[in-house]
Amino acid sequence: MDEKDWIMLQCLYEERNITKAAEKLYISQPAMTYRLKQLEKEFGAKIVARGKKGVEFTSQGEYIAKYARNMILQLRNTKEYVRNMDEEVRGILRIGASSNFSRYELPSILHKFVSKYPDVEIQLRTGWSFDIVHLLQKEEVHLGIVRGNYAWQEEKHLLREESLYIVSKNPINDLKELPSLPRINYGTDQTLKTLIDHWWQETYDQSPTITMEVDRIDTCKELILTGMGYAILPGISLKQNDHLHKIELTTKDQKPLTRNTWLIYRERSLELSVVKVFIEFLKKCLTPFVL
């Protein structure tokens, strides 16, 4: 059993379908089926059982798939550490970042970093902050950039503190009228949704009038520009040339309601020169301030 077998088993474990796994690895289905049978002979155990919807791993297969994943991880880590044993900044940097940070902030940061360190290859995964934390826990990324407060037990650094705003095309002169005005909601991280919901419950004794539900902040902003309603948006998504009216959310004691952006990572990742340099670079680019 070698590296190709580890990768094949890991891919099959994720896809649970031989055809899809073979397509993903650019090999033929018969070739994958043949190699799978050879592995079953080698281990003297059935690895998968075929079903109507794909394949299911047996208890022995589950154990072997876990072994394959661990071996892939160990080999990747070994290669990364060996490449980083000298003082040159080079190699692969695996980053996990929240979708909104990746949309509004990260491109310019990565461009500047790669311009300064051209021998670094960036591998980026984006998604909800919860998923980024999960990727870091599984060691699939070197570091994570998440929005909202998560229980991370290792290294973390506050990158940004931003305000939340009521955003509309035309001025809203009396916030007491807000519950009766049409509101546009958008798909977002649960931590932001909870923060907004708590503020609303502390401020009003009736539910908001939600007239539209969209999947992206950008779509929400375009609808606001047409006058279709207002929304509560994080400062990261707002620019001076948006030509939108905004009112900063405040708590009962008149303090700005803010949301944090965190850099999280494991201390041992600093042994990789490319990770250490990027973290220092990122801290300089994004010193904490209220946006």
C-alpha atoms as a PDB file:
ATOM      1  CA  MET A   1       0.000   0.000   0.000  1.00  0.00           C
ATOM      2  CA  ASP A   2       1.550   3.317  -1.103  1.00  0.00           C
ATOM      3  CA  GLU A   3       0.711   7.011  -1.432  1.00  0.00           C
ATOM      4  CA  LYS A   4      -1.505   6.472  -4.497  1.00  0.00           C
ATOM      5  CA  ASP A   5      -3.544   3.938  -2.545  1.00  0.00           C
ATOM      6  CA  TRP A   6      -3.893   6.333   0.404  1.00  0.00           C
ATOM      7  CA  ILE A   7      -5.175   9.066  -1.903  1.00  0.00           C
ATOM      8  CA  MET A   8      -7.552   6.673  -3.667  1.00  0.00           C
ATOM      9  CA  LEU A   9      -9.044   5.446  -0.389  1.00  0.00           C
ATOM     10  CA  GLN A  10      -9.376   8.960   1.005  1.00  0.00           C
ATOM     11  CA  CYS A  11     -11.128  10.148  -2.152  1.00  0.00           C
ATOM     12  CA  LEU A  12     -13.455   7.139  -2.193  1.00  0.00           C
ATOM     13  CA  TYR A  13     -14.231   7.686   1.489  1.00  0.00           C
ATOM     14  CA  GLU A  14     -15.251  11.276   0.771  1.00  0.00           C
ATOM     15  CA  GLU A  15     -17.248  10.552  -2.386  1.00  0.00           C
ATOM     16  CA  ARG A  16     -18.748   7.159  -1.404  1.00  0.00           C
ATOM     17  CA  ASN A  17     -19.031   6.463  -5.125  1.00  0.00           C
ATOM     18  CA  ILE A  18     -16.464   4.661  -7.274  1.00  0.00           C
ATOM     19  CA  THR A  19     -17.416   6.465 -10.494  1.00  0.00           C
ATOM     20  CA  LYS A  20     -17.173   9.924  -8.913  1.00  0.00           C
ATOM     21  CA  ALA A  21     -13.937   9.091  -7.109  1.00  0.00           C
ATOM     22  CA  ALA A  22     -12.374   7.756 -10.314  1.00  0.00           C
ATOM     23  CA  GLU A  23     -13.390  10.890 -12.224  1.00  0.00           C
ATOM     24  CA  LYS A  24     -11.960  13.112  -9.504  1.00  0.00           C
ATOM     25  CA  LEU A  25      -8.626  11.263  -9.633  1.00  0.00           C
ATOM     26  CA  TYR A  26      -8.603  11.060 -13.460  1.00  0.00           C
ATOM     27  CA  ILE A  27      -8.384   7.280 -13.543  1.00  0.00           C
ATOM     28  CA  SER A  28     -10.755   4.710 -15.029  1.00  0.00           C
ATOM     29  CA  GLN A  29     -13.429   3.051 -12.932  1.00  0.00           C
ATOM     30  CA  PRO A  30     -12.156  -0.479 -13.789  1.00  0.00           C
ATOM     31  CA  ALA A  31      -8.644   0.534 -12.697  1.00  0.00           C
ATOM     32  CA  MET A  32      -9.935   1.788  -9.339  1.00  0.00           C
ATOM     33  CA  THR A  33     -12.088  -1.303  -8.834  1.00  0.00           C
ATOM     34  CA  TYR A  34      -9.130  -3.565  -9.642  1.00  0.00           C
ATOM     35  CA  ARG A  35      -6.818  -1.747  -7.200  1.00  0.00           C
ATOM     36  CA  LEU A  36      -9.484  -1.862  -4.501  1.00  0.00           C
ATOM     37  CA  LYS A  37      -9.783  -5.634  -4.903  1.00  0.00           C
ATOM     38  CA  GLN A  38      -5.972  -5.952  -4.674  1.00  0.00           C
ATOM     39  CA  LEU A  39      -5.996  -4.003  -1.407  1.00  0.00           C
ATOM     40  CA  GLU A  40      -8.720  -6.264  -0.040  1.00  0.00           C
ATOM     41  CA  LYS A  41      -6.552  -9.279  -0.887  1.00  0.00           C
ATOM     42  CA  GLU A  42      -3.547  -7.590   0.756  1.00  0.00           C
ATOM     43  CA  PHE A  43      -5.423  -6.921   4.001  1.00  0.00           C
ATOM     44  CA  GLY A  44      -7.508 -10.086   3.863  1.00  0.00           C
ATOM     45  CA  ALA A  45     -10.660  -8.082   4.553  1.00  0.00           C
ATOM     46  CA  LYS A  46     -13.509  -6.498   2.641  1.00  0.00           C
ATOM     47  CA  ILE A  47     -13.019  -2.713   2.533  1.00  0.00           C
ATOM     48  CA  VAL A  48     -16.272  -1.569   0.925  1.00  0.00           C
ATOM     49  CA  ALA A  49     -19.699  -2.981   0.220  1.00  0.00           C
ATOM     50  CA  ARG A  50     -21.619  -1.858  -2.846  1.00  0.00           C
ATOM     51  CA  GLY A  51     -25.101  -0.414  -2.455  1.00  0.00           C
ATOM     52  CA  LYS A  52     -27.744   1.194  -4.656  1.00  0.00           C
ATOM     53  CA  LYS A  53     -26.471   4.706  -3.903  1.00  0.00           C
ATOM     54  CA  GLY A  54     -22.746   3.956  -3.949  1.00  0.00           C
ATOM     55  CA  VAL A  55     -20.398   2.201  -1.550  1.00  0.00           C
ATOM     56  CA  GLU A  56     -20.320   1.840   2.214  1.00  0.00           C
ATOM     57  CA  PHE A  57     -17.107   1.200   4.133  1.00  0.00           C
ATOM     58  CA  THR A  58     -16.995  -1.857   6.360  1.00  0.00           C
ATOM     59  CA  SER A  59     -15.621  -1.540   9.914  1.00  0.00           C
ATOM     60  CA  GLN A  60     -12.263  -2.784   8.579  1.00  0.00           C
ATOM     61  CA  GLY A  61     -12.537  -0.363   5.666  1.00  0.00           C
ATOM     62  CA  GLU A  62     -13.228   2.543   8.047  1.00  0.00           C
ATOM     63  CA  TYR A  63     -10.039   1.704   9.958  1.00  0.00           C
ATOM     64  CA  ILE A  64      -7.959   1.424   6.763  1.00  0.00           C
ATOM     65  CA  ALA A  65      -9.399   4.709   5.402  1.00  0.00           C
ATOM     66  CA  LYS A  66      -8.477   6.445   8.669  1.00  0.00           C
ATOM     67  CA  TYR A  67      -4.963   5.027   8.377  1.00  0.00           C
ATOM     68  CA  ALA A  68      -4.741   6.312   4.781  1.00  0.00           C
ATOM     69  CA  ARG A  69      -5.802   9.824   5.849  1.00  0.00           C
ATOM     70  CA  ASN A  70      -3.226   9.865   8.652  1.00  0.00           C
ATOM     71  CA  MET A  71      -0.470   8.731   6.299  1.00  0.00           C
ATOM     72  CA  ILE A  72      -1.382  11.436   3.756  1.00  0.00           C
ATOM     73  CA  LEU A  73      -1.274  14.034   6.528  1.00  0.00           C
ATOM     74  CA  GLN A  74       2.058  12.790   7.881  1.00  0.00           C
ATOM     75  CA  LEU A  75       3.668  12.720   4.447  1.00  0.00           C
ATOM     76  CA  ARG A  76       2.393  16.216   3.598  1.00  0.00           C
ATOM     77  CA  ASN A  77       3.624  17.616   6.923  1.00  0.00           C
ATOM     78  CA  THR A  78       7.008  15.970   6.468  1.00  0.00           C
ATOM     79  CA  LYS A  79       7.419  17.459   2.996  1.00  0.00           C
ATOM     80  CA  GLU A  80       6.415  20.901   4.264  1.00  0.00           C
ATOM     81  CA  TYR A  81       8.801  20.823   7.213  1.00  0.00           C
ATOM     82  CA  VAL A  82      11.719  19.599   5.097  1.00  0.00           C
ATOM     83  CA  ARG A  83      11.127  22.388   2.556  1.00  0.00           C
ATOM     84  CA  ASN A  84      11.064  24.938   5.382  1.00  0.00           C
ATOM     85  CA  MET A  85      14.236  23.815   7.169  1.00  0.00           C
ATOM     86  CA  ASP A  86      16.274  26.514   5.423  1.00  0.00           C
ATOM     87  CA  GLU A  87      15.763  30.276   5.840  1.00  0.00           C
ATOM     88  CA  GLU A  88      14.135  30.849   2.454  1.00  0.00           C
ATOM     89  CA  VAL A  89      10.447  31.717   2.403  1.00  0.00           C
ATOM     90  CA  ARG A  90       9.019  29.198  -0.023  1.00  0.00           C
ATOM     91  CA  GLY A  91       6.649  26.275  -0.213  1.00  0.00           C
ATOM     92  CA  ILE A  92       2.904  25.835   0.171  1.00  0.00           C
ATOM     93  CA  LEU A  93       0.803  28.040   2.440  1.00  0.00           C
ATOM     94  CA  ARG A  94      -2.643  26.589   3.169  1.00  0.00           C
ATOM     95  CA  ILE A  95      -5.145  29.218   4.293  1.00  0.00           C
ATOM     96  CA  GLY A  96      -8.745  28.890   5.385  1.00  0.00           C
ATOM     97  CA  ALA A  97     -10.729  32.145   5.393  1.00  0.00           C
ATOM     98  CA  SER A  98     -14.334  33.232   5.863  1.00  0.00           C
ATOM     99  CA  SER A  99     -16.191  33.996   2.643  1.00  0.00           C
ATOM    100  CA  ASN A 100     -16.767  37.676   3.371  1.00  0.00           C
ATOM    101  CA  PHE A 101     -13.160  38.316   4.422  1.00  0.00           C
ATOM    102  CA  SER A 102     -12.052  36.480   1.276  1.00  0.00           C
ATOM    103  CA  ARG A 103     -14.378  38.646  -0.825  1.00  0.00           C
ATOM    104  CA  TYR A 104     -13.557  42.081   0.581  1.00  0.00           C
ATOM    105  CA  GLU A 105     -10.062  41.938   2.123  1.00  0.00           C
ATOM    106  CA  LEU A 106      -7.986  38.892   1.263  1.00  0.00           C
ATOM    107  CA  PRO A 107      -7.278  39.332  -2.495  1.00  0.00           C
ATOM    108  CA  SER A 108      -5.212  42.494  -2.048  1.00  0.00           C
ATOM    109  CA  ILE A 109      -3.384  40.999   0.949  1.00  0.00           C
ATOM    110  CA  LEU A 110      -2.439  37.838  -0.949  1.00  0.00           C
ATOM    111  CA  HIS A 111      -1.369  39.856  -3.985  1.00  0.00           C
ATOM    112  CA  LYS A 112       1.024  41.931  -1.875  1.00  0.00           C
ATOM    113  CA  PHE A 113       2.346  38.871  -0.064  1.00  0.00           C
ATOM    114  CA  VAL A 114       3.013  36.828  -3.208  1.00  0.00           C
ATOM    115  CA  SER A 115       4.629  39.864  -4.849  1.00  0.00           C
ATOM    116  CA  LYS A 116       7.048  40.005  -1.925  1.00  0.00           C
ATOM    117  CA  TYR A 117       7.498  36.219  -1.668  1.00  0.00           C
ATOM    118  CA  PRO A 118       7.095  34.812  -5.209  1.00  0.00           C
ATOM    119  CA  ASP A 119       8.255  31.301  -4.248  1.00  0.00           C
ATOM    120  CA  VAL A 120       5.195  30.746  -2.057  1.00  0.00           C
ATOM    121  CA  GLU A 121       2.242  28.793  -3.440  1.00  0.00           C
ATOM    122  CA  ILE A 122      -1.091  29.761  -1.895  1.00  0.00           C
ATOM    123  CA  GLN A 123      -3.774  27.105  -1.371  1.00  0.00           C
ATOM    124  CA  LEU A 124      -6.981  28.810  -0.258  1.00  0.00           C
ATOM    125  CA  ARG A 125     -10.197  27.333   1.175  1.00  0.00           C
ATOM    126  CA  THR A 126     -13.156  29.647   1.829  1.00  0.00           C
ATOM    127  CA  GLY A 127     -16.479  29.130   3.564  1.00  0.00           C
ATOM    128  CA  TRP A 128     -18.419  29.832   6.745  1.00  0.00           C
ATOM    129  CA  SER A 129     -16.204  30.584   9.732  1.00  0.00           C
ATOM    130  CA  PHE A 130     -17.479  27.457  11.483  1.00  0.00           C
ATOM    131  CA  ASP A 131     -16.202  25.350   8.584  1.00  0.00           C
ATOM    132  CA  ILE A 132     -12.814  27.117   8.648  1.00  0.00           C
ATOM    133  CA  VAL A 133     -12.392  26.229  12.337  1.00  0.00           C
ATOM    134  CA  HIS A 134     -13.201  22.623  11.436  1.00  0.00           C
ATOM    135  CA  LEU A 135     -10.591  22.632   8.647  1.00  0.00           C
ATOM    136  CA  LEU A 136      -7.960  23.867  11.082  1.00  0.00           C
ATOM    137  CA  GLN A 137      -8.912  21.239  13.644  1.00  0.00           C
ATOM    138  CA  LYS A 138      -8.401  18.566  10.972  1.00  0.00           C
ATOM    139  CA  GLU A 139      -5.068  20.207  10.022  1.00  0.00           C
ATOM    140  CA  GLU A 140      -6.199  20.714   6.447  1.00  0.00           C
ATOM    141  CA  VAL A 141      -5.062  24.359   6.619  1.00  0.00           C
ATOM    142  CA  HIS A 142      -2.125  26.032   8.380  1.00  0.00           C
ATOM    143  CA  LEU A 143      -4.155  28.950   9.677  1.00  0.00           C
ATOM    144  CA  GLY A 144      -7.698  30.264   9.687  1.00  0.00           C
ATOM    145  CA  ILE A 145      -9.234  33.725   9.387  1.00  0.00           C
ATOM    146  CA  VAL A 146     -12.649  33.657  11.014  1.00  0.00           C
ATOM    147  CA  ARG A 147     -15.321  36.231  11.792  1.00  0.00           C
ATOM    148  CA  GLY A 148     -17.083  36.058  15.117  1.00  0.00           C
ATOM    149  CA  ASN A 149     -15.937  34.571  18.411  1.00  0.00           C
ATOM    150  CA  TYR A 150     -15.163  30.854  18.420  1.00  0.00           C
ATOM    151  CA  ALA A 151     -13.755  28.656  21.180  1.00  0.00           C
ATOM    152  CA  TRP A 152     -10.240  28.103  19.841  1.00  0.00           C
ATOM    153  CA  GLN A 153      -7.801  26.830  22.494  1.00  0.00           C
ATOM    154  CA  GLU A 154      -4.518  27.577  20.722  1.00  0.00           C
ATOM    155  CA  GLU A 155      -3.015  30.728  19.191  1.00  0.00           C
ATOM    156  CA  LYS A 156      -5.334  33.562  18.148  1.00  0.00           C
ATOM    157  CA  HIS A 157      -4.852  37.210  17.205  1.00  0.00           C
ATOM    158  CA  LEU A 158      -7.466  39.937  16.791  1.00  0.00           C
ATOM    159  CA  LEU A 159      -7.184  41.322  13.260  1.00  0.00           C
ATOM    160  CA  ARG A 160     -10.146  43.658  13.090  1.00  0.00           C
ATOM    161  CA  GLU A 161     -13.084  44.980  15.082  1.00  0.00           C
ATOM    162  CA  GLU A 162     -15.889  46.300  12.916  1.00  0.00           C
ATOM    163  CA  SER A 163     -19.230  47.955  13.513  1.00  0.00           C
ATOM    164  CA  LEU A 164     -22.614  46.797  12.231  1.00  0.00           C
ATOM    165  CA  TYR A 165     -24.931  49.193  10.389  1.00  0.00           C
ATOM    166  CA  ILE A 166     -28.539  49.647   9.399  1.00  0.00           C
ATOM    167  CA  VAL A 167     -28.168  50.340   5.680  1.00  0.00           C
ATOM    168  CA  SER A 168     -30.768  51.869   3.360  1.00  0.00           C
ATOM    169  CA  LYS A 169     -31.066  53.856   0.135  1.00  0.00           C
ATOM    170  CA  ASN A 170     -32.919  56.742   1.783  1.00  0.00           C
ATOM    171  CA  PRO A 171     -32.409  58.062   5.327  1.00  0.00           C
ATOM    172  CA  ILE A 172     -34.329  56.381   8.131  1.00  0.00           C
ATOM    173  CA  ASN A 173     -35.198  59.263  10.424  1.00  0.00           C
ATOM    174  CA  ASP A 174     -36.919  57.361  13.228  1.00  0.00           C
ATOM    175  CA  LEU A 175     -35.595  53.946  14.257  1.00  0.00           C
ATOM    176  CA  LYS A 176     -38.864  53.267  16.079  1.00  0.00           C
ATOM    177  CA  GLU A 177     -40.349  52.675  12.626  1.00  0.00           C
ATOM    178  CA  LEU A 178     -37.804  49.990  11.748  1.00  0.00           C
ATOM    179  CA  PRO A 179     -40.005  46.953  12.588  1.00  0.00           C
ATOM    180  CA  SER A 180     -42.620  48.101  10.066  1.00  0.00           C
ATOM    181  CA  LEU A 181     -40.112  48.763   7.258  1.00  0.00           C
ATOM    182  CA  PRO A 182     -39.222  46.025   4.718  1.00  0.00           C
ATOM    183  CA  ARG A 183     -36.013  44.242   5.651  1.00  0.00           C
ATOM    184  CA  ILE A 184     -33.769  42.194   3.383  1.00  0.00           C
ATOM    185  CA  ASN A 185     -31.989  39.228   4.972  1.00  0.00           C
ATOM    186  CA  TYR A 186     -28.948  37.461   3.525  1.00  0.00           C
ATOM    187  CA  GLY A 187     -27.161  34.188   4.128  1.00  0.00           C
ATOM    188  CA  THR A 188     -24.515  34.616   6.798  1.00  0.00           C
ATOM    189  CA  ASP A 189     -22.543  32.974   9.556  1.00  0.00           C
ATOM    190  CA  GLN A 190     -24.575  31.877  12.584  1.00  0.00           C
ATOM    191  CA  THR A 191     -22.515  34.061  14.933  1.00  0.00           C
ATOM    192  CA  LEU A 192     -23.481  37.218  13.027  1.00  0.00           C
ATOM    193  CA  LYS A 193     -27.127  36.169  12.825  1.00  0.00           C
ATOM    194  CA  THR A 194     -27.163  35.586  16.594  1.00  0.00           C
ATOM    195  CA  LEU A 195     -25.520  38.956  17.267  1.00  0.00           C
ATOM    196  CA  ILE A 196     -28.103  40.801  15.149  1.00  0.00           C
ATOM    197  CA  ASP A 197     -31.016  38.819  16.611  1.00  0.00           C
ATOM    198  CA  HIS A 198     -29.925  39.619  20.178  1.00  0.00           C
ATOM    199  CA  TRP A 199     -29.662  43.321  19.359  1.00  0.00           C
ATOM    200  CA  TRP A 200     -33.118  43.292  17.804  1.00  0.00           C
ATOM    201  CA  GLN A 201     -34.693  41.503  20.772  1.00  0.00           C
ATOM    202  CA  GLU A 202     -33.167  44.002  23.190  1.00  0.00           C
ATOM    203  CA  THR A 203     -34.340  46.950  21.090  1.00  0.00           C
ATOM    204  CA  TYR A 204     -37.822  45.971  19.859  1.00  0.00           C
ATOM    205  CA  ASP A 205     -40.757  44.007  21.194  1.00  0.00           C
ATOM    206  CA  GLN A 206     -41.966  42.909  17.743  1.00  0.00           C
ATOM    207  CA  SER A 207     -40.442  40.908  14.887  1.00  0.00           C
ATOM    208  CA  PRO A 208     -38.872  42.585  11.828  1.00  0.00           C
ATOM    209  CA  THR A 209     -40.796  42.712   8.556  1.00  0.00           C
ATOM    210  CA  ILE A 210     -38.594  40.471   6.434  1.00  0.00           C
ATOM    211  CA  THR A 211     -39.713  40.684   2.807  1.00  0.00           C
ATOM    212  CA  MET A 212     -36.713  39.137   1.028  1.00  0.00           C
ATOM    213  CA  GLU A 213     -34.165  36.388   1.718  1.00  0.00           C
ATOM    214  CA  VAL A 214     -31.040  36.261  -0.482  1.00  0.00           C
ATOM    215  CA  ASP A 215     -27.887  34.186  -0.370  1.00  0.00           C
ATOM    216  CA  ARG A 216     -25.216  36.890  -0.657  1.00  0.00           C
ATOM    217  CA  ILE A 217     -24.430  40.286   0.828  1.00  0.00           C
ATOM    218  CA  ASP A 218     -23.654  41.666  -2.647  1.00  0.00           C
ATOM    219  CA  THR A 219     -27.160  40.767  -3.843  1.00  0.00           C
ATOM    220  CA  CYS A 220     -28.604  42.328  -0.712  1.00  0.00           C
ATOM    221  CA  LYS A 221     -26.755  45.597  -1.356  1.00  0.00           C
ATOM    222  CA  GLU A 222     -28.002  45.755  -4.939  1.00  0.00           C
ATOM    223  CA  LEU A 223     -31.578  45.362  -3.719  1.00  0.00           C
ATOM    224  CA  ILE A 224     -31.052  48.093  -1.140  1.00  0.00           C
ATOM    225  CA  LEU A 225     -29.852  50.418  -3.902  1.00  0.00           C
ATOM    226  CA  THR A 226     -33.190  49.956  -5.687  1.00  0.00           C
ATOM    227  CA  GLY A 227     -35.043  51.013  -2.548  1.00  0.00           C
ATOM    228  CA  MET A 228     -36.552  47.562  -1.922  1.00  0.00           C
ATOM    229  CA  GLY A 229     -35.738  47.670   1.789  1.00  0.00           C
ATOM    230  CA  TYR A 230     -33.037  48.025   4.432  1.00  0.00           C
ATOM    231  CA  ALA A 231     -30.565  45.505   5.842  1.00  0.00           C
ATOM    232  CA  ILE A 232     -28.179  45.169   8.776  1.00  0.00           C
ATOM    233  CA  LEU A 233     -24.699  44.795   7.316  1.00  0.00           C
ATOM    234  CA  PRO A 234     -21.156  44.436   8.694  1.00  0.00           C
ATOM    235  CA  GLY A 235     -18.756  47.302   8.017  1.00  0.00           C
ATOM    236  CA  ILE A 236     -16.446  45.091   5.933  1.00  0.00           C
ATOM    237  CA  SER A 237     -19.042  45.023   3.142  1.00  0.00           C
ATOM    238  CA  LEU A 238     -19.485  48.808   2.933  1.00  0.00           C
ATOM    239  CA  LYS A 239     -17.440  51.232   0.837  1.00  0.00           C
ATOM    240  CA  GLN A 240     -17.516  55.021   0.582  1.00  0.00           C
ATOM    241  CA  ASN A 241     -18.727  54.937  -3.014  1.00  0.00           C
ATOM    242  CA  ASP A 242     -21.750  52.737  -2.225  1.00  0.00           C
ATOM    243  CA  HIS A 243     -23.936  55.853  -1.846  1.00  0.00           C
ATOM    244  CA  LEU A 244     -25.961  54.228   0.908  1.00  0.00           C
ATOM    245  CA  HIS A 245     -27.215  55.672   4.171  1.00  0.00           C
ATOM    246  CA  LYS A 246     -26.018  53.889   7.284  1.00  0.00           C
ATOM    247  CA  ILE A 247     -26.726  54.039  11.004  1.00  0.00           C
ATOM    248  CA  GLU A 248     -24.295  52.396  13.397  1.00  0.00           C
ATOM    249  CA  LEU A 249     -25.840  49.833  15.736  1.00  0.00           C
ATOM    250  CA  THR A 250     -25.276  50.526  19.428  1.00  0.00           C
ATOM    251  CA  THR A 251     -25.959  48.614  22.613  1.00  0.00           C
ATOM    252  CA  LYS A 252     -28.235  49.857  25.375  1.00  0.00           C
ATOM    253  CA  ASP A 253     -25.336  51.771  26.934  1.00  0.00           C
ATOM    254  CA  GLN A 254     -24.644  53.446  23.560  1.00  0.00           C
ATOM    255  CA  LYS A 255     -21.493  51.495  22.749  1.00  0.00           C
ATOM    256  CA  PRO A 256     -20.969  50.369  19.117  1.00  0.00           C
ATOM    257  CA  LEU A 257     -22.117  46.812  18.456  1.00  0.00           C
ATOM    258  CA  THR A 258     -19.044  45.224  16.906  1.00  0.00           C
ATOM    259  CA  ARG A 259     -17.906  41.979  15.348  1.00  0.00           C
ATOM    260  CA  ASN A 260     -14.370  40.609  15.526  1.00  0.00           C
ATOM    261  CA  THR A 261     -12.177  39.048  12.870  1.00  0.00           C
ATOM    262  CA  TRP A 262      -9.624  36.593  14.256  1.00  0.00           C
ATOM    263  CA  LEU A 263      -6.502  34.886  13.000  1.00  0.00           C
ATOM    264  CA  ILE A 264      -6.281  31.406  14.540  1.00  0.00           C
ATOM    265  CA  TYR A 265      -3.501  28.830  14.214  1.00  0.00           C
ATOM    266  CA  ARG A 266      -1.476  26.193  16.045  1.00  0.00           C
ATOM    267  CA  GLU A 267       1.778  27.200  17.713  1.00  0.00           C
ATOM    268  CA  ARG A 268       3.699  24.400  16.037  1.00  0.00           C
ATOM    269  CA  SER A 269       2.754  25.833  12.623  1.00  0.00           C
ATOM    270  CA  LEU A 270       5.244  28.630  13.329  1.00  0.00           C
ATOM    271  CA  GLU A 271       8.011  26.092  12.722  1.00  0.00           C
ATOM    272  CA  LEU A 272       7.191  26.550   9.028  1.00  0.00           C
ATOM    273  CA  SER A 273       8.911  29.711   7.842  1.00  0.00           C
ATOM    274  CA  VAL A 274       6.209  30.440   5.262  1.00  0.00           C
ATOM    275  CA  VAL A 275       3.488  30.356   7.956  1.00  0.00           C
ATOM    276  CA  LYS A 276       5.473  32.477  10.410  1.00  0.00           C
ATOM    277  CA  VAL A 277       6.236  35.125   7.793  1.00  0.00           C
ATOM    278  CA  PHE A 278       2.639  35.282   6.551  1.00  0.00           C
ATOM    279  CA  ILE A 279       1.273  35.685  10.076  1.00  0.00           C
ATOM    280  CA  GLU A 280       3.671  38.569  10.722  1.00  0.00           C
ATOM    281  CA  PHE A 281       2.734  40.090   7.355  1.00  0.00           C
ATOM    282  CA  LEU A 282      -0.993  39.776   8.070  1.00  0.00           C
ATOM    283  CA  LYS A 283      -0.683  41.357  11.516  1.00  0.00           C
ATOM    284  CA  LYS A 284       1.029  44.382   9.983  1.00  0.00           C
ATOM    285  CA  CYS A 285      -1.625  44.698   7.274  1.00  0.00           C
ATOM    286  CA  LEU A 286      -4.556  44.459   9.678  1.00  0.00           C
ATOM    287  CA  THR A 287      -3.844  46.033  13.027  1.00  0.00           C
ATOM    288  CA  PRO A 288      -7.037  45.997  15.122  1.00  0.00           C
ATOM    289  CA  PHE A 289      -9.328  49.000  14.637  1.00  0.00           C
ATOM    290  CA  VAL A 290     -13.030  49.694  14.506  1.00  0.00           C
ATOM    291  CA  LEU A 291     -14.357  49.793  10.939  1.00  0.00           C
END
